[in-house]
């Protein structure tokens, strides 16, 4: 025989609440947030292009590295918003680190990779290595 269990909607609400919410608040009231930027990868004949959405992130606050077949975009987003009006003041600070790791094909020329940041979008161009034409070699056939 099965027993009935009384449903408590507040228990479900507690389970939905992030348990570490208050551990993310830094001294001084700043909220630390970790996030992953959205990325779009497009392929052309001559290059692979990665676009990452990084609004509010300065070029000095990010690092783009390539190691083997891994492209890593990481950095930190910092911001502060202040509003002052008659009789009230509002201040909000936010910051957080981000990291995005993408696997790239081995056919990329690591020495010619370029990255530019414009209007909050990082563009990383990964030029493809032009395949060398295989040298034709004549093989002598020996009769036995």
Protein backbone atom coordinates (compact mmCIF):
# COMPACT_ATOMS: atom_id res chain seq x y z
CA UNK A 1 0.00 0.00 0.00
CA UNK A 2 1.26 3.44 -0.89
CA UNK A 3 0.96 6.40 1.44
CA UNK A 4 -0.19 9.78 0.24
CA UNK A 5 2.17 12.71 0.62
CA UNK A 6 0.82 16.21 1.07
CA UNK A 7 2.19 18.59 -1.59
CA UNK A 8 3.80 21.74 -0.27
CA UNK A 9 4.46 24.34 -3.02
CA UNK A 10 6.82 26.26 -0.74
CA UNK A 11 9.20 23.29 -0.59
CA UNK A 12 9.48 23.37 -4.37
CA UNK A 13 10.12 27.12 -4.27
CA UNK A 14 12.98 26.56 -1.83
CA UNK A 15 14.45 23.94 -4.18
CA UNK A 16 14.36 26.40 -7.08
CA UNK A 17 16.18 29.11 -5.11
CA UNK A 18 19.97 29.05 -5.68
CA UNK A 19 21.55 27.76 -2.51
CA UNK A 20 24.74 29.76 -2.96
CA UNK A 21 23.04 33.10 -3.73
CA UNK A 22 24.37 34.86 -0.67
CA UNK A 23 27.86 33.44 -1.10
CA UNK A 24 28.13 35.45 -4.33
CA UNK A 25 27.67 38.80 -2.61
CA UNK A 26 31.04 40.38 -2.02
CA UNK A 27 31.88 42.76 0.85
CA UNK A 28 30.43 46.16 0.03
CA UNK A 29 27.34 44.70 -1.62
CA UNK A 30 28.82 43.82 -5.02
CA UNK A 31 27.34 40.81 -6.77
CA UNK A 32 29.85 38.42 -8.31
CA UNK A 33 28.47 36.66 -11.37
CA UNK A 34 30.06 33.98 -13.53
CA UNK A 35 28.80 33.76 -17.09
CA UNK A 36 29.73 32.37 -20.49
CA UNK A 37 29.51 34.66 -23.50
CA UNK A 38 27.49 33.53 -26.49
CA UNK A 39 29.63 32.52 -29.44
CA UNK A 40 28.92 32.00 -33.12
CA UNK A 41 31.36 30.07 -35.28
CA UNK A 42 31.30 30.39 -39.06
CA UNK A 43 33.49 28.61 -41.58
CA UNK A 44 34.69 29.92 -44.92
CA UNK A 45 37.18 28.47 -47.37
CA UNK A 46 40.05 30.63 -46.12
CA UNK A 47 39.23 31.07 -42.40
CA UNK A 48 37.14 30.15 -39.40
CA UNK A 49 35.57 33.19 -37.71
CA UNK A 50 34.40 33.24 -34.09
CA UNK A 51 32.11 36.02 -32.84
CA UNK A 52 31.66 36.34 -29.06
CA UNK A 53 29.16 38.71 -27.45
CA UNK A 54 31.01 40.64 -24.75
CA UNK A 55 29.06 43.86 -24.08
CA UNK A 56 30.66 46.13 -21.50
CA UNK A 57 33.99 44.29 -21.53
CA UNK A 58 37.11 46.28 -22.44
CA UNK A 59 39.83 44.73 -24.61
CA UNK A 60 42.27 45.08 -21.68
CA UNK A 61 39.98 42.95 -19.49
CA UNK A 62 40.05 39.89 -21.77
CA UNK A 63 42.59 37.34 -22.94
CA UNK A 64 42.44 35.25 -26.11
CA UNK A 65 44.82 32.29 -26.37
CA UNK A 66 45.33 29.35 -28.69
CA UNK A 67 46.97 26.17 -27.51
CA UNK A 68 46.99 23.19 -29.82
CA UNK A 69 43.42 22.73 -30.99
CA UNK A 70 41.89 24.90 -28.24
CA UNK A 71 40.78 28.54 -28.48
CA UNK A 72 40.25 30.11 -25.04
CA UNK A 73 38.49 33.43 -24.45
CA UNK A 74 38.53 34.58 -20.84
CA UNK A 75 38.36 37.76 -18.85
CA UNK A 76 36.38 39.80 -16.39
CA UNK A 77 33.38 42.06 -16.73
CA UNK A 78 33.19 45.04 -14.41
CA UNK A 79 30.59 47.72 -14.14
CA UNK A 80 29.04 50.30 -11.92
CA UNK A 81 25.74 52.12 -12.22
CA UNK A 82 24.96 55.24 -10.21
CA UNK A 83 21.85 57.33 -10.24
CA UNK A 84 21.31 60.36 -8.10
CA UNK A 85 18.12 62.33 -7.95
CA UNK A 86 16.55 64.71 -5.56
CA UNK A 87 16.36 62.98 -2.20
CA UNK A 88 17.58 59.57 -3.35
CA UNK A 89 20.72 57.83 -4.49
CA UNK A 90 21.04 54.49 -6.28
CA UNK A 91 24.29 52.61 -6.78
CA UNK A 92 24.90 49.14 -8.19
CA UNK A 93 28.18 47.36 -8.83
CA UNK A 94 28.61 44.12 -10.70
CA UNK A 95 31.51 42.05 -11.87
CA UNK A 96 32.22 38.53 -12.93
CA UNK A 97 34.70 36.36 -14.70
CA UNK A 98 34.01 34.48 -17.89
CA UNK A 99 35.69 31.78 -19.89
CA UNK A 100 34.75 30.12 -23.13
CA UNK A 101 36.75 27.23 -24.58
CA UNK A 102 36.25 26.14 -28.18
CA UNK A 103 37.87 23.30 -30.08
CA UNK A 104 39.33 24.38 -33.41
CA UNK A 105 40.57 22.21 -36.27
CA UNK A 106 44.27 21.55 -36.64
CA UNK A 107 44.23 23.14 -40.10
CA UNK A 108 44.49 26.67 -38.60
CA UNK A 109 47.58 28.87 -38.96
CA UNK A 110 48.16 29.92 -35.33
CA UNK A 111 50.73 32.56 -36.31
CA UNK A 112 48.17 34.55 -38.33
CA UNK A 113 45.22 34.59 -35.90
CA UNK A 114 43.72 38.06 -35.39
CA UNK A 115 41.22 39.34 -32.79
CA UNK A 116 39.28 42.63 -32.84
CA UNK A 117 36.70 44.06 -30.45
CA UNK A 118 34.03 46.37 -31.85
CA UNK A 119 30.71 47.42 -30.29
CA UNK A 120 30.84 44.66 -27.67
CA UNK A 121 31.50 41.86 -30.17
CA UNK A 122 34.84 40.08 -30.24
CA UNK A 123 35.80 38.70 -33.65
CA UNK A 124 38.57 36.12 -33.84
CA UNK A 125 39.76 35.20 -37.35
CA UNK A 126 41.53 31.86 -37.60
CA UNK A 127 43.08 31.58 -41.08
CA UNK A 128 43.26 28.11 -42.52
CA UNK A 129 46.59 26.63 -43.51
CA UNK A 130 46.77 26.31 -47.26
CA UNK A 131 47.35 22.65 -47.95
CA UNK A 132 50.57 21.96 -49.75
CA UNK A 133 50.19 20.22 -53.06
CA UNK A 134 51.59 16.74 -52.71
CA UNK A 135 54.67 16.32 -54.85
CA UNK A 136 54.20 13.75 -57.51
CA UNK A 137 56.64 10.92 -57.18
CA UNK A 138 57.13 8.30 -59.82
CA UNK A 139 57.45 4.82 -58.39
CA UNK A 140 59.56 2.37 -60.32
CA UNK A 141 57.90 -0.99 -60.74
CA UNK A 142 60.29 -3.90 -60.62
CA UNK A 143 59.59 -7.07 -62.45
CA UNK A 144 60.22 -10.29 -60.59
